[in-house]
PDB file of N, CA and C in Angstrom:
ATOM      1  N   MET A   1     237.132 154.468 165.748  1.00  0.00           N
ATOM      2  CA  MET A   1     235.868 154.254 165.083  1.00  0.00           C
ATOM      3  C   MET A   1     234.753 154.838 165.960  1.00  0.00           C
ATOM      4  N   THR A   2     233.877 155.607 165.341  1.00  0.00           N
ATOM      5  CA  THR A   2     232.757 156.184 166.074  1.00  0.00           C
ATOM      6  C   THR A   2     231.641 155.162 166.214  1.00  0.00           C
ATOM      7  N   THR A   3     230.714 155.449 167.103  1.00  0.00           N
ATOM      8  CA  THR A   3     229.553 154.573 167.284  1.00  0.00           C
ATOM      9  C   THR A   3     228.760 154.475 165.991  1.00  0.00           C
ATOM     10  N   GLU A   4     228.597 155.621 165.311  1.00  0.00           N
ATOM     11  CA  GLU A   4     227.847 155.637 164.053  1.00  0.00           C
ATOM     12  C   GLU A   4     228.507 154.737 163.006  1.00  0.00           C
ATOM     13  N   GLU A   5     229.843 154.795 162.919  1.00  0.00           N
ATOM     14  CA  GLU A   5     230.564 153.958 161.953  1.00  0.00           C
ATOM     15  C   GLU A   5     230.414 152.480 162.306  1.00  0.00           C
ATOM     16  N   PHE A   6     230.500 152.182 163.598  1.00  0.00           N
ATOM     17  CA  PHE A   6     230.371 150.804 164.057  1.00  0.00           C
ATOM     18  C   PHE A   6     228.989 150.226 163.730  1.00  0.00           C
ATOM     19  N   LEU A   7     227.968 151.050 163.921  1.00  0.00           N
ATOM     20  CA  LEU A   7     226.594 150.573 163.737  1.00  0.00           C
ATOM     21  C   LEU A   7     226.116 150.623 162.291  1.00  0.00           C
ATOM     22  N   LYS A   8     226.857 151.306 161.436  1.00  0.00           N
ATOM     23  CA  LYS A   8     226.437 151.471 160.039  1.00  0.00           C
ATOM     24  C   LYS A   8     226.226 150.103 159.382  1.00  0.00           C
ATOM     25  N   GLY A   9     225.072 149.942 158.785  1.00  0.00           N
ATOM     26  CA  GLY A   9     224.754 148.709 158.084  1.00  0.00           C
ATOM     27  C   GLY A   9     224.269 147.577 158.968  1.00  0.00           C
ATOM     28  N   THR A  10     224.187 147.789 160.271  1.00  0.00           N
ATOM     29  CA  THR A  10     223.747 146.718 161.176  1.00  0.00           C
ATOM     30  C   THR A  10     222.236 146.687 161.360  1.00  0.00           C
ATOM     31  N   GLY A  11     221.571 147.761 160.950  1.00  0.00           N
ATOM     32  CA  GLY A  11     220.133 147.851 161.170  1.00  0.00           C
ATOM     33  C   GLY A  11     219.785 148.419 162.528  1.00  0.00           C
ATOM     34  N   ALA A  12     220.790 148.822 163.296  1.00  0.00           N
ATOM     35  CA  ALA A  12     220.540 149.350 164.641  1.00  0.00           C
ATOM     36  C   ALA A  12     219.700 150.622 164.594  1.00  0.00           C
ATOM     37  N   ASP A  13     219.921 151.456 163.575  1.00  0.00           N
ATOM     38  CA  ASP A  13     219.125 152.685 163.466  1.00  0.00           C
ATOM     39  C   ASP A  13     217.645 152.365 163.328  1.00  0.00           C
ATOM     40  N   ASP A  14     217.336 151.365 162.497  1.00  0.00           N
ATOM     41  CA  ASP A  14     215.939 150.967 162.328  1.00  0.00           C
ATOM     42  C   ASP A  14     215.376 150.404 163.633  1.00  0.00           C
ATOM     43  N   LEU A  15     216.185 149.628 164.334  1.00  0.00           N
ATOM     44  CA  LEU A  15     215.751 149.060 165.605  1.00  0.00           C
ATOM     45  C   LEU A  15     215.450 150.170 166.608  1.00  0.00           C
ATOM     46  N   ILE A  16     216.344 151.147 166.692  1.00  0.00           N
ATOM     47  CA  ILE A  16     216.140 152.268 167.608  1.00  0.00           C
ATOM     48  C   ILE A  16     214.884 153.039 167.230  1.00  0.00           C
ATOM     49  N   ASP A  17     214.688 153.287 165.935  1.00  0.00           N
ATOM     50  CA  ASP A  17     213.483 153.987 165.481  1.00  0.00           C
ATOM     51  C   ASP A  17     212.231 153.196 165.847  1.00  0.00           C
ATOM     52  N   ASN A  18     212.272 151.863 165.694  1.00  0.00           N
ATOM     53  CA  ASN A  18     211.119 151.027 166.019  1.00  0.00           C
ATOM     54  C   ASN A  18     210.831 151.039 167.518  1.00  0.00           C
ATOM     55  N   ILE A  19     211.880 150.999 168.329  1.00  0.00           N
ATOM     56  CA  ILE A  19     211.703 151.053 169.781  1.00  0.00           C
ATOM     57  C   ILE A  19     211.122 152.401 170.184  1.00  0.00           C
ATOM     58  N   ASP A  20     211.655 153.485 169.595  1.00  0.00           N
ATOM     59  CA  ASP A  20     211.149 154.826 169.901  1.00  0.00           C
ATOM     60  C   ASP A  20     209.672 154.938 169.545  1.00  0.00           C
ATOM     61  N   LYS A  21     209.293 154.428 168.368  1.00  0.00           N
ATOM     62  CA  LYS A  21     207.891 154.480 167.947  1.00  0.00           C
ATOM     63  C   LYS A  21     207.019 153.645 168.889  1.00  0.00           C
ATOM     64  N   ALA A  22     207.502 152.480 169.294  1.00  0.00           N
ATOM     65  CA  ALA A  22     206.729 151.635 170.213  1.00  0.00           C
ATOM     66  C   ALA A  22     206.525 152.328 171.552  1.00  0.00           C
ATOM     67  N   CYS A  23     207.553 153.011 172.034  1.00  0.00           N
ATOM     68  CA  CYS A  23     207.426 153.756 173.301  1.00  0.00           C
ATOM     69  C   CYS A  23     206.430 154.893 173.158  1.00  0.00           C
ATOM     70  N   GLN A  24     206.492 155.620 172.045  1.00  0.00           N
ATOM     71  CA  GLN A  24     205.547 156.709 171.812  1.00  0.00           C
ATOM     72  C   GLN A  24     204.121 156.163 171.721  1.00  0.00           C
ATOM     73  N   ASP A  25     203.943 155.051 171.012  1.00  0.00           N
ATOM     74  CA  ASP A  25     202.616 154.442 170.894  1.00  0.00           C
ATOM     75  C   ASP A  25     202.090 154.004 172.260  1.00  0.00           C
ATOM     76  N   ALA A  26     202.977 153.405 173.077  1.00  0.00           N
ATOM     77  CA  ALA A  26     202.566 152.969 174.414  1.00  0.00           C
ATOM     78  C   ALA A  26     202.164 154.161 175.269  1.00  0.00           C
ATOM     79  N   ALA A  27     202.938 155.254 175.188  1.00  0.00           N
ATOM     80  CA  ALA A  27     202.605 156.461 175.955  1.00  0.00           C
ATOM     81  C   ALA A  27     201.262 157.018 175.508  1.00  0.00           C
ATOM     82  N   ASN A  28     201.012 157.021 174.195  1.00  0.00           N
ATOM     83  CA  ASN A  28     199.729 157.507 173.679  1.00  0.00           C
ATOM     84  C   ASN A  28     198.584 156.619 174.157  1.00  0.00           C
ATOM     85  N   ASP A  29     198.793 155.291 174.168  1.00  0.00           N
ATOM     86  CA  ASP A  29     197.765 154.370 174.637  1.00  0.00           C
ATOM     87  C   ASP A  29     197.443 154.619 176.113  1.00  0.00           C
ATOM     88  N   ILE A  30     198.494 154.810 176.924  1.00  0.00           N
ATOM     89  CA  ILE A  30     198.289 155.090 178.350  1.00  0.00           C
ATOM     90  C   ILE A  30     197.502 156.383 178.507  1.00  0.00           C
ATOM     91  N   ARG A  31     197.913 157.428 177.780  1.00  0.00           N
ATOM     92  CA  ARG A  31     197.224 158.713 177.870  1.00  0.00           C
ATOM     93  C   ARG A  31     195.756 158.554 177.499  1.00  0.00           C
ATOM     94  N   ASP A  32     195.472 157.831 176.409  1.00  0.00           N
ATOM     95  CA  ASP A  32     194.094 157.666 175.957  1.00  0.00           C
ATOM     96  C   ASP A  32     193.249 156.900 176.975  1.00  0.00           C
ATOM     97  N   GLU A  33     193.821 155.843 177.575  1.00  0.00           N
ATOM     98  CA  GLU A  33     193.096 155.067 178.583  1.00  0.00           C
ATOM     99  C   GLU A  33     192.807 155.911 179.826  1.00  0.00           C
ATOM    100  N   VAL A  34     193.809 156.663 180.254  1.00  0.00           N
ATOM    101  CA  VAL A  34     193.619 157.511 181.434  1.00  0.00           C
ATOM    102  C   VAL A  34     192.589 158.593 181.137  1.00  0.00           C
ATOM    103  N   ASN A  35     192.680 159.204 179.969  1.00  0.00           N
ATOM    104  CA  ASN A  35     191.718 160.242 179.614  1.00  0.00           C
ATOM    105  C   ASN A  35     190.293 159.693 179.600  1.00  0.00           C
ATOM    106  N   ALA A  36     190.115 158.510 179.038  1.00  0.00           N
ATOM    107  CA  ALA A  36     188.775 157.924 178.972  1.00  0.00           C
ATOM    108  C   ALA A  36     188.217 157.712 180.379  1.00  0.00           C
ATOM    109  N   ALA A  37     189.037 157.188 181.273  1.00  0.00           N
ATOM    110  CA  ALA A  37     188.589 156.954 182.647  1.00  0.00           C
ATOM    111  C   ALA A  37     188.319 158.268 183.371  1.00  0.00           C
ATOM    112  N   HIS A  38     189.188 159.252 183.171  1.00  0.00           N
ATOM    113  CA  HIS A  38     189.042 160.522 183.886  1.00  0.00           C
ATOM    114  C   HIS A  38     187.871 161.347 183.355  1.00  0.00           C
ATOM    115  N   VAL A  39     187.615 161.281 182.065  1.00  0.00           N
ATOM    116  CA  VAL A  39     186.474 162.011 181.507  1.00  0.00           C
ATOM    117  C   VAL A  39     185.178 161.473 182.117  1.00  0.00           C
ATOM    118  N   LYS A  40     185.098 160.151 182.267  1.00  0.00           N
ATOM    119  CA  LYS A  40     183.913 159.542 182.879  1.00  0.00           C
ATOM    120  C   LYS A  40     183.710 160.035 184.310  1.00  0.00           C
ATOM    121  N   GLN A  41     184.825 160.299 184.999  1.00  0.00           N
ATOM    122  CA  GLN A  41     184.764 160.731 186.390  1.00  0.00           C
ATOM    123  C   GLN A  41     184.740 162.250 186.530  1.00  0.00           C
ATOM    124  N   GLY A  42     184.776 162.976 185.416  1.00  0.00           N
ATOM    125  CA  GLY A  42     184.756 164.431 185.459  1.00  0.00           C
ATOM    126  C   GLY A  42     186.060 165.043 185.925  1.00  0.00           C
ATOM    127  N   LYS A  43     187.171 164.314 185.765  1.00  0.00           N
ATOM    128  CA  LYS A  43     188.472 164.815 186.193  1.00  0.00           C
ATOM    129  C   LYS A  43     189.224 165.416 185.009  1.00  0.00           C
ATOM    130  N   TRP A  44     190.439 165.855 185.277  1.00  0.00           N
ATOM    131  CA  TRP A  44     191.308 166.468 184.280  1.00  0.00           C
ATOM    132  C   TRP A  44     191.672 165.480 183.184  1.00  0.00           C
ATOM    133  N   ARG A  45     192.203 166.029 182.087  1.00  0.00           N
ATOM    134  CA  ARG A  45     192.655 165.213 180.956  1.00  0.00           C
ATOM    135  C   ARG A  45     194.097 165.544 180.627  1.00  0.00           C
ATOM    136  N   TYR A  46     194.836 164.541 180.148  1.00  0.00           N
ATOM    137  CA  TYR A  46     196.176 164.779 179.622  1.00  0.00           C
ATOM    138  C   TYR A  46     196.050 165.343 178.220  1.00  0.00           C
ATOM    139  N   THR A  47     196.934 166.234 177.863  1.00  0.00           N
ATOM    140  CA  THR A  47     196.956 166.760 176.504  1.00  0.00           C
ATOM    141  C   THR A  47     198.336 166.574 175.912  1.00  0.00           C
ATOM    142  N   ILE A  48     198.387 166.492 174.592  1.00  0.00           N
ATOM    143  CA  ILE A  48     199.669 166.381 173.904  1.00  0.00           C
ATOM    144  C   ILE A  48     200.276 167.762 173.793  1.00  0.00           C
ATOM    145  N   LYS A  49     201.540 167.864 174.117  1.00  0.00           N
ATOM    146  CA  LYS A  49     202.232 169.144 174.006  1.00  0.00           C
ATOM    147  C   LYS A  49     202.409 169.493 172.530  1.00  0.00           C
ATOM    148  N   GLU A  50     202.359 170.779 172.220  1.00  0.00           N
ATOM    149  CA  GLU A  50     202.435 171.234 170.832  1.00  0.00           C
ATOM    150  C   GLU A  50     203.643 170.703 170.084  1.00  0.00           C
ATOM    151  N   ASN A  51     204.836 170.818 170.678  1.00  0.00           N
ATOM    152  CA  ASN A  51     206.036 170.488 169.914  1.00  0.00           C
ATOM    153  C   ASN A  51     206.913 169.435 170.582  1.00  0.00           C
ATOM    154  N   ASN A  52     206.402 168.759 171.598  1.00  0.00           N
ATOM    155  CA  ASN A  52     207.155 167.740 172.322  1.00  0.00           C
ATOM    156  C   ASN A  52     208.427 168.274 172.968  1.00  0.00           C
ATOM    157  N   LYS A  53     208.606 169.564 173.012  1.00  0.00           N
ATOM    158  CA  LYS A  53     209.785 170.161 173.646  1.00  0.00           C
ATOM    159  C   LYS A  53     209.305 171.160 174.676  1.00  0.00           C
ATOM    160  N   GLN A  54     209.937 171.185 175.816  1.00  0.00           N
ATOM    161  CA  GLN A  54     209.593 172.157 176.840  1.00  0.00           C
ATOM    162  C   GLN A  54     210.869 172.858 177.268  1.00  0.00           C
ATOM    163  N   THR A  55     210.698 174.059 177.773  1.00  0.00           N
ATOM    164  CA  THR A  55     211.832 174.735 178.368  1.00  0.00           C
ATOM    165  C   THR A  55     212.311 173.883 179.519  1.00  0.00           C
ATOM    166  N   ASP A  56     213.610 173.739 179.659  1.00  0.00           N
ATOM    167  CA  ASP A  56     214.129 172.886 180.719  1.00  0.00           C
ATOM    168  C   ASP A  56     213.968 173.566 182.063  1.00  0.00           C
ATOM    169  N   ASP A  57     212.980 173.142 182.802  1.00  0.00           N
ATOM    170  CA  ASP A  57     212.750 173.590 184.174  1.00  0.00           C
ATOM    171  C   ASP A  57     213.150 172.403 185.047  1.00  0.00           C
ATOM    172  N   PRO A  58     214.325 172.438 185.657  1.00  0.00           N
ATOM    173  CA  PRO A  58     214.840 171.260 186.344  1.00  0.00           C
ATOM    174  C   PRO A  58     214.011 170.798 187.540  1.00  0.00           C
ATOM    175  N   VAL A  59     213.098 171.631 188.019  1.00  0.00           N
ATOM    176  CA  VAL A  59     212.275 171.236 189.158  1.00  0.00           C
ATOM    177  C   VAL A  59     210.888 170.798 188.712  1.00  0.00           C
ATOM    178  N   ASN A  60     210.180 171.631 187.961  1.00  0.00           N
ATOM    179  CA  ASN A  60     208.784 171.350 187.613  1.00  0.00           C
ATOM    180  C   ASN A  60     208.605 170.482 186.377  1.00  0.00           C
ATOM    181  N   HIS A  61     209.435 170.648 185.388  1.00  0.00           N
ATOM    182  CA  HIS A  61     209.318 169.880 184.144  1.00  0.00           C
ATOM    183  C   HIS A  61     210.699 169.637 183.544  1.00  0.00           C
ATOM    184  N   PRO A  62     211.519 168.763 184.155  1.00  0.00           N
ATOM    185  CA  PRO A  62     212.841 168.502 183.576  1.00  0.00           C
ATOM    186  C   PRO A  62     212.697 167.950 182.154  1.00  0.00           C
ATOM    187  N   SER A  63     213.484 168.463 181.238  1.00  0.00           N
ATOM    188  CA  SER A  63     213.340 168.065 179.838  1.00  0.00           C
ATOM    189  C   SER A  63     213.532 166.565 179.646  1.00  0.00           C
ATOM    190  N   HIS A  64     214.372 165.933 180.458  1.00  0.00           N
ATOM    191  CA  HIS A  64     214.601 164.499 180.292  1.00  0.00           C
ATOM    192  C   HIS A  64     213.414 163.655 180.766  1.00  0.00           C
ATOM    193  N   TYR A  65     212.415 164.270 181.387  1.00  0.00           N
ATOM    194  CA  TYR A  65     211.189 163.563 181.744  1.00  0.00           C
ATOM    195  C   TYR A  65     210.012 163.990 180.875  1.00  0.00           C
ATOM    196  N   CYS A  66     210.263 164.820 179.865  1.00  0.00           N
ATOM    197  CA  CYS A  66     209.204 165.342 178.995  1.00  0.00           C
ATOM    198  C   CYS A  66     209.508 165.045 177.530  1.00  0.00           C
ATOM    199  N   ALA A  67     210.103 163.914 177.251  1.00  0.00           N
ATOM    200  CA  ALA A  67     210.587 163.639 175.900  1.00  0.00           C
ATOM    201  C   ALA A  67     209.498 163.165 174.955  1.00  0.00           C
ATOM    202  N   GLY A  68     208.371 162.760 175.425  1.00  0.00           N
ATOM    203  CA  GLY A  68     207.333 162.230 174.546  1.00  0.00           C
ATOM    204  C   GLY A  68     206.045 163.000 174.671  1.00  0.00           C
ATOM    205  N   ASP A  69     204.961 162.358 174.317  1.00  0.00           N
ATOM    206  CA  ASP A  69     203.651 162.996 174.365  1.00  0.00           C
ATOM    207  C   ASP A  69     203.099 163.076 175.779  1.00  0.00           C
ATOM    208  N   ILE A  70     203.640 162.298 176.681  1.00  0.00           N
ATOM    209  CA  ILE A  70     203.152 162.280 178.051  1.00  0.00           C
ATOM    210  C   ILE A  70     204.360 162.431 178.973  1.00  0.00           C
ATOM    211  N   GLU A  71     204.207 163.234 180.007  1.00  0.00           N
ATOM    212  CA  GLU A  71     205.303 163.438 180.937  1.00  0.00           C
ATOM    213  C   GLU A  71     205.454 162.199 181.822  1.00  0.00           C
ATOM    214  N   CYS A  72     206.672 161.890 182.195  1.00  0.00           N
ATOM    215  CA  CYS A  72     206.981 160.674 182.948  1.00  0.00           C
ATOM    216  C   CYS A  72     206.110 160.529 184.203  1.00  0.00           C
ATOM    217  N   ILE A  73     205.939 161.587 184.972  1.00  0.00           N
ATOM    218  CA  ILE A  73     205.162 161.501 186.211  1.00  0.00           C
ATOM    219  C   ILE A  73     203.719 161.096 185.926  1.00  0.00           C
ATOM    220  N   ASP A  74     203.190 161.502 184.779  1.00  0.00           N
ATOM    221  CA  ASP A  74     201.823 161.135 184.408  1.00  0.00           C
ATOM    222  C   ASP A  74     201.731 159.659 184.044  1.00  0.00           C
ATOM    223  N   ALA A  75     202.751 159.132 183.382  1.00  0.00           N
ATOM    224  CA  ALA A  75     202.784 157.704 183.078  1.00  0.00           C
ATOM    225  C   ALA A  75     202.901 156.894 184.370  1.00  0.00           C
ATOM    226  N   ILE A  76     203.708 157.394 185.308  1.00  0.00           N
ATOM    227  CA  ILE A  76     203.842 156.721 186.606  1.00  0.00           C
ATOM    228  C   ILE A  76     202.497 156.726 187.329  1.00  0.00           C
ATOM    229  N   ALA A  77     201.796 157.852 187.295  1.00  0.00           N
ATOM    230  CA  ALA A  77     200.479 157.944 187.935  1.00  0.00           C
ATOM    231  C   ALA A  77     199.518 156.935 187.338  1.00  0.00           C
ATOM    232  N   SER A  78     199.552 156.805 186.024  1.00  0.00           N
ATOM    233  CA  SER A  78     198.672 155.857 185.359  1.00  0.00           C
ATOM    234  C   SER A  78     199.019 154.422 185.729  1.00  0.00           C
ATOM    235  N   ALA A  79     200.311 154.137 185.799  1.00  0.00           N
ATOM    236  CA  ALA A  79     200.747 152.770 186.090  1.00  0.00           C
ATOM    237  C   ALA A  79     200.506 152.376 187.548  1.00  0.00           C
ATOM    238  N   LEU A  80     200.717 153.301 188.479  1.00  0.00           N
ATOM    239  CA  LEU A  80     200.664 152.968 189.907  1.00  0.00           C
ATOM    240  C   LEU A  80     199.317 153.233 190.562  1.00  0.00           C
ATOM    241  N   GLY A  81     198.509 154.084 189.955  1.00  0.00           N
ATOM    242  CA  GLY A  81     197.233 154.424 190.555  1.00  0.00           C
ATOM    243  C   GLY A  81     197.390 155.436 191.692  1.00  0.00           C
ATOM    244  N   HIS A  82     196.275 155.766 192.295  1.00  0.00           N
ATOM    245  CA  HIS A  82     196.200 156.813 193.323  1.00  0.00           C
ATOM    246  C   HIS A  82     197.169 156.581 194.484  1.00  0.00           C
ATOM    247  N   ASP A  83     197.017 155.466 195.182  1.00  0.00           N
ATOM    248  CA  ASP A  83     197.852 155.198 196.357  1.00  0.00           C
ATOM    249  C   ASP A  83     199.312 154.986 195.978  1.00  0.00           C
ATOM    250  N   GLY A  84     199.541 154.335 194.846  1.00  0.00           N
ATOM    251  CA  GLY A  84     200.905 154.102 194.396  1.00  0.00           C
ATOM    252  C   GLY A  84     201.627 155.393 194.067  1.00  0.00           C
ATOM    253  N   LEU A  85     200.914 156.338 193.442  1.00  0.00           N
ATOM    254  CA  LEU A  85     201.538 157.623 193.116  1.00  0.00           C
ATOM    255  C   LEU A  85     201.882 158.391 194.385  1.00  0.00           C
ATOM    256  N   ILE A  86     201.003 158.364 195.359  1.00  0.00           N
ATOM    257  CA  ILE A  86     201.287 159.047 196.630  1.00  0.00           C
ATOM    258  C   ILE A  86     202.544 158.448 197.267  1.00  0.00           C
ATOM    259  N   ALA A  87     202.637 157.134 197.299  1.00  0.00           N
ATOM    260  CA  ALA A  87     203.811 156.477 197.874  1.00  0.00           C
ATOM    261  C   ALA A  87     205.071 156.819 197.082  1.00  0.00           C
ATOM    262  N   PHE A  88     204.973 156.828 195.753  1.00  0.00           N
ATOM    263  CA  PHE A  88     206.113 157.184 194.910  1.00  0.00           C
ATOM    264  C   PHE A  88     206.580 158.604 195.216  1.00  0.00           C
ATOM    265  N   CYS A  89     205.641 159.529 195.316  1.00  0.00           N
ATOM    266  CA  CYS A  89     205.991 160.922 195.595  1.00  0.00           C
ATOM    267  C   CYS A  89     206.629 161.077 196.976  1.00  0.00           C
ATOM    268  N   ARG A  90     206.096 160.374 197.956  1.00  0.00           N
ATOM    269  CA  ARG A  90     206.686 160.436 199.300  1.00  0.00           C
ATOM    270  C   ARG A  90     208.113 159.906 199.284  1.00  0.00           C
ATOM    271  N   GLY A  91     208.319 158.794 198.600  1.00  0.00           N
ATOM    272  CA  GLY A  91     209.661 158.229 198.499  1.00  0.00           C
ATOM    273  C   GLY A  91     210.619 159.147 197.760  1.00  0.00           C
ATOM    274  N   SER A  92     210.146 159.771 196.705  1.00  0.00           N
ATOM    275  CA  SER A  92     210.995 160.697 195.945  1.00  0.00           C
ATOM    276  C   SER A  92     211.359 161.914 196.779  1.00  0.00           C
ATOM    277  N   ALA A  93     210.400 162.419 197.548  1.00  0.00           N
ATOM    278  CA  ALA A  93     210.682 163.560 198.430  1.00  0.00           C
ATOM    279  C   ALA A  93     211.750 163.186 199.451  1.00  0.00           C
ATOM    280  N   ILE A  94     211.637 162.010 200.042  1.00  0.00           N
ATOM    281  CA  ILE A  94     212.642 161.553 201.002  1.00  0.00           C
ATOM    282  C   ILE A  94     214.008 161.476 200.338  1.00  0.00           C
ATOM    283  N   LYS A  95     214.041 160.935 199.121  1.00  0.00           N
ATOM    284  CA  LYS A  95     215.309 160.814 198.394  1.00  0.00           C
ATOM    285  C   LYS A  95     215.975 162.170 198.206  1.00  0.00           C
ATOM    286  N   TYR A  96     215.201 163.166 197.752  1.00  0.00           N
ATOM    287  CA  TYR A  96     215.790 164.484 197.503  1.00  0.00           C
ATOM    288  C   TYR A  96     216.201 165.183 198.796  1.00  0.00           C
ATOM    289  N   LEU A  97     215.457 164.976 199.873  1.00  0.00           N
ATOM    290  CA  LEU A  97     215.863 165.541 201.159  1.00  0.00           C
ATOM    291  C   LEU A  97     217.134 164.864 201.671  1.00  0.00           C
ATOM    292  N   TRP A  98     217.216 163.569 201.487  1.00  0.00           N
ATOM    293  CA  TRP A  98     218.354 162.797 201.960  1.00  0.00           C
ATOM    294  C   TRP A  98     219.644 163.248 201.283  1.00  0.00           C
ATOM    295  N   ARG A  99     219.566 163.444 199.958  1.00  0.00           N
ATOM    296  CA  ARG A  99     220.778 163.766 199.204  1.00  0.00           C
ATOM    297  C   ARG A  99     221.022 165.263 199.052  1.00  0.00           C
ATOM    298  N   ALA A 100     220.151 166.099 199.610  1.00  0.00           N
ATOM    299  CA  ALA A 100     220.229 167.556 199.410  1.00  0.00           C
ATOM    300  C   ALA A 100     221.649 168.061 199.655  1.00  0.00           C
ATOM    301  N   GLY A 101     222.207 168.650 198.617  1.00  0.00           N
ATOM    302  CA  GLY A 101     223.539 169.228 198.695  1.00  0.00           C
ATOM    303  C   GLY A 101     224.676 168.248 198.509  1.00  0.00           C
ATOM    304  N   LEU A 102     224.403 166.952 198.463  1.00  0.00           N
ATOM    305  CA  LEU A 102     225.462 165.956 198.322  1.00  0.00           C
ATOM    306  C   LEU A 102     225.780 165.642 196.867  1.00  0.00           C
ATOM    307  N   LYS A 103     224.786 165.727 195.990  1.00  0.00           N
ATOM    308  CA  LYS A 103     224.986 165.393 194.583  1.00  0.00           C
ATOM    309  C   LYS A 103     225.096 166.643 193.724  1.00  0.00           C
ATOM    310  N   GLY A 104     224.368 167.655 194.072  1.00  0.00           N
ATOM    311  CA  GLY A 104     224.342 168.875 193.278  1.00  0.00           C
ATOM    312  C   GLY A 104     223.916 170.047 194.123  1.00  0.00           C
ATOM    313  N   ASP A 105     223.134 170.907 193.514  1.00  0.00           N
ATOM    314  CA  ASP A 105     222.663 172.132 194.150  1.00  0.00           C
ATOM    315  C   ASP A 105     221.649 171.814 195.254  1.00  0.00           C
ATOM    316  N   ILE A 106     221.928 172.232 196.479  1.00  0.00           N
ATOM    317  CA  ILE A 106     221.042 171.947 197.616  1.00  0.00           C
ATOM    318  C   ILE A 106     219.671 172.590 197.415  1.00  0.00           C
ATOM    319  N   GLU A 107     219.634 173.807 196.883  1.00  0.00           N
ATOM    320  CA  GLU A 107     218.351 174.479 196.670  1.00  0.00           C
ATOM    321  C   GLU A 107     217.485 173.703 195.681  1.00  0.00           C
ATOM    322  N   GLU A 108     218.088 173.216 194.601  1.00  0.00           N
ATOM    323  CA  GLU A 108     217.323 172.460 193.617  1.00  0.00           C
ATOM    324  C   GLU A 108     216.794 171.166 194.221  1.00  0.00           C
ATOM    325  N   ASP A 109     217.605 170.481 195.010  1.00  0.00           N
ATOM    326  CA  ASP A 109     217.142 169.252 195.663  1.00  0.00           C
ATOM    327  C   ASP A 109     215.967 169.531 196.601  1.00  0.00           C
ATOM    328  N   LEU A 110     216.050 170.615 197.357  1.00  0.00           N
ATOM    329  CA  LEU A 110     214.960 170.971 198.273  1.00  0.00           C
ATOM    330  C   LEU A 110     213.696 171.347 197.511  1.00  0.00           C
ATOM    331  N   ARG A 111     213.850 172.045 196.394  1.00  0.00           N
ATOM    332  CA  ARG A 111     212.680 172.390 195.562  1.00  0.00           C
ATOM    333  C   ARG A 111     212.046 171.136 194.960  1.00  0.00           C
ATOM    334  N   LYS A 112     212.874 170.178 194.558  1.00  0.00           N
ATOM    335  CA  LYS A 112     212.342 168.924 194.013  1.00  0.00           C
ATOM    336  C   LYS A 112     211.586 168.156 195.103  1.00  0.00           C
ATOM    337  N   ALA A 113     212.132 168.122 196.304  1.00  0.00           N
ATOM    338  CA  ALA A 113     211.444 167.451 197.412  1.00  0.00           C
ATOM    339  C   ALA A 113     210.090 168.110 197.663  1.00  0.00           C
ATOM    340  N   ALA A 114     210.075 169.438 197.656  1.00  0.00           N
ATOM    341  CA  ALA A 114     208.817 170.169 197.857  1.00  0.00           C
ATOM    342  C   ALA A 114     207.834 169.883 196.730  1.00  0.00           C
ATOM    343  N   TRP A 115     208.338 169.781 195.496  1.00  0.00           N
ATOM    344  CA  TRP A 115     207.470 169.496 194.345  1.00  0.00           C
ATOM    345  C   TRP A 115     206.778 168.154 194.546  1.00  0.00           C
ATOM    346  N   TYR A 116     207.537 167.138 194.971  1.00  0.00           N
ATOM    347  CA  TYR A 116     206.941 165.820 195.173  1.00  0.00           C
ATOM    348  C   TYR A 116     205.936 165.831 196.329  1.00  0.00           C
ATOM    349  N   CYS A 117     206.210 166.609 197.372  1.00  0.00           N
ATOM    350  CA  CYS A 117     205.248 166.737 198.467  1.00  0.00           C
ATOM    351  C   CYS A 117     203.956 167.389 197.974  1.00  0.00           C
ATOM    352  N   GLU A 118     204.089 168.434 197.162  1.00  0.00           N
ATOM    353  CA  GLU A 118     202.911 169.115 196.601  1.00  0.00           C
ATOM    354  C   GLU A 118     202.122 168.177 195.689  1.00  0.00           C
ATOM    355  N   ARG A 119     202.825 167.387 194.886  1.00  0.00           N
ATOM    356  CA  ARG A 119     202.147 166.469 193.971  1.00  0.00           C
ATOM    357  C   ARG A 119     201.391 165.410 194.769  1.00  0.00           C
ATOM    358  N   ALA A 120     201.995 164.908 195.849  1.00  0.00           N
ATOM    359  CA  ALA A 120     201.318 163.942 196.701  1.00  0.00           C
ATOM    360  C   ALA A 120     200.081 164.553 197.347  1.00  0.00           C
ATOM    361  N   ALA A 121     200.224 165.791 197.834  1.00  0.00           N
ATOM    362  CA  ALA A 121     199.084 166.465 198.461  1.00  0.00           C
ATOM    363  C   ALA A 121     197.958 166.690 197.466  1.00  0.00           C
ATOM    364  N   LYS A 122     198.317 167.062 196.240  1.00  0.00           N
ATOM    365  CA  LYS A 122     197.309 167.241 195.177  1.00  0.00           C
ATOM    366  C   LYS A 122     196.582 165.939 194.912  1.00  0.00           C
ATOM    367  N   GLU A 123     197.309 164.848 194.902  1.00  0.00           N
ATOM    368  CA  GLU A 123     196.703 163.532 194.651  1.00  0.00           C
ATOM    369  C   GLU A 123     195.776 163.147 195.802  1.00  0.00           C
ATOM    370  N   VAL A 124     196.146 163.476 197.042  1.00  0.00           N
ATOM    371  CA  VAL A 124     195.301 163.176 198.203  1.00  0.00           C
ATOM    372  C   VAL A 124     193.981 163.952 198.092  1.00  0.00           C
ATOM    373  N   ASP A 125     194.058 165.184 197.595  1.00  0.00           N
ATOM    374  CA  ASP A 125     192.870 166.036 197.472  1.00  0.00           C
ATOM    375  C   ASP A 125     191.895 165.542 196.400  1.00  0.00           C
ATOM    376  N   GLU A 126     192.364 164.757 195.448  1.00  0.00           N
ATOM    377  CA  GLU A 126     191.489 164.329 194.336  1.00  0.00           C
ATOM    378  C   GLU A 126     190.659 163.121 194.679  1.00  0.00           C
TER     379      GLU A 126
END
């Protein structure tokens, strides 16, 4: 029996659709709140991507972190604030340096670590 056959008639599809919509609504609310605060401060604004799909760039914009209207790192920035985002980026860089070459491609891990260092530095500059 497939998962689809098992779930047929249980209402799980509707539940999943409702959860997906709630997540999208929450992401939109976060984006709108951040935009309102940043516009007041003369900073950058988040924008909705045209088609919610991006080319899979495993370092700069992994597709699994770009599934909605707001990219995951931007939601993290909104949730954690300035200092929290810097700490998150530093921790992520350490993680990728630590595991470099142990889980997958060493070059990709090193590029990801560098990306997080650059993002932290950008946040320090703002």
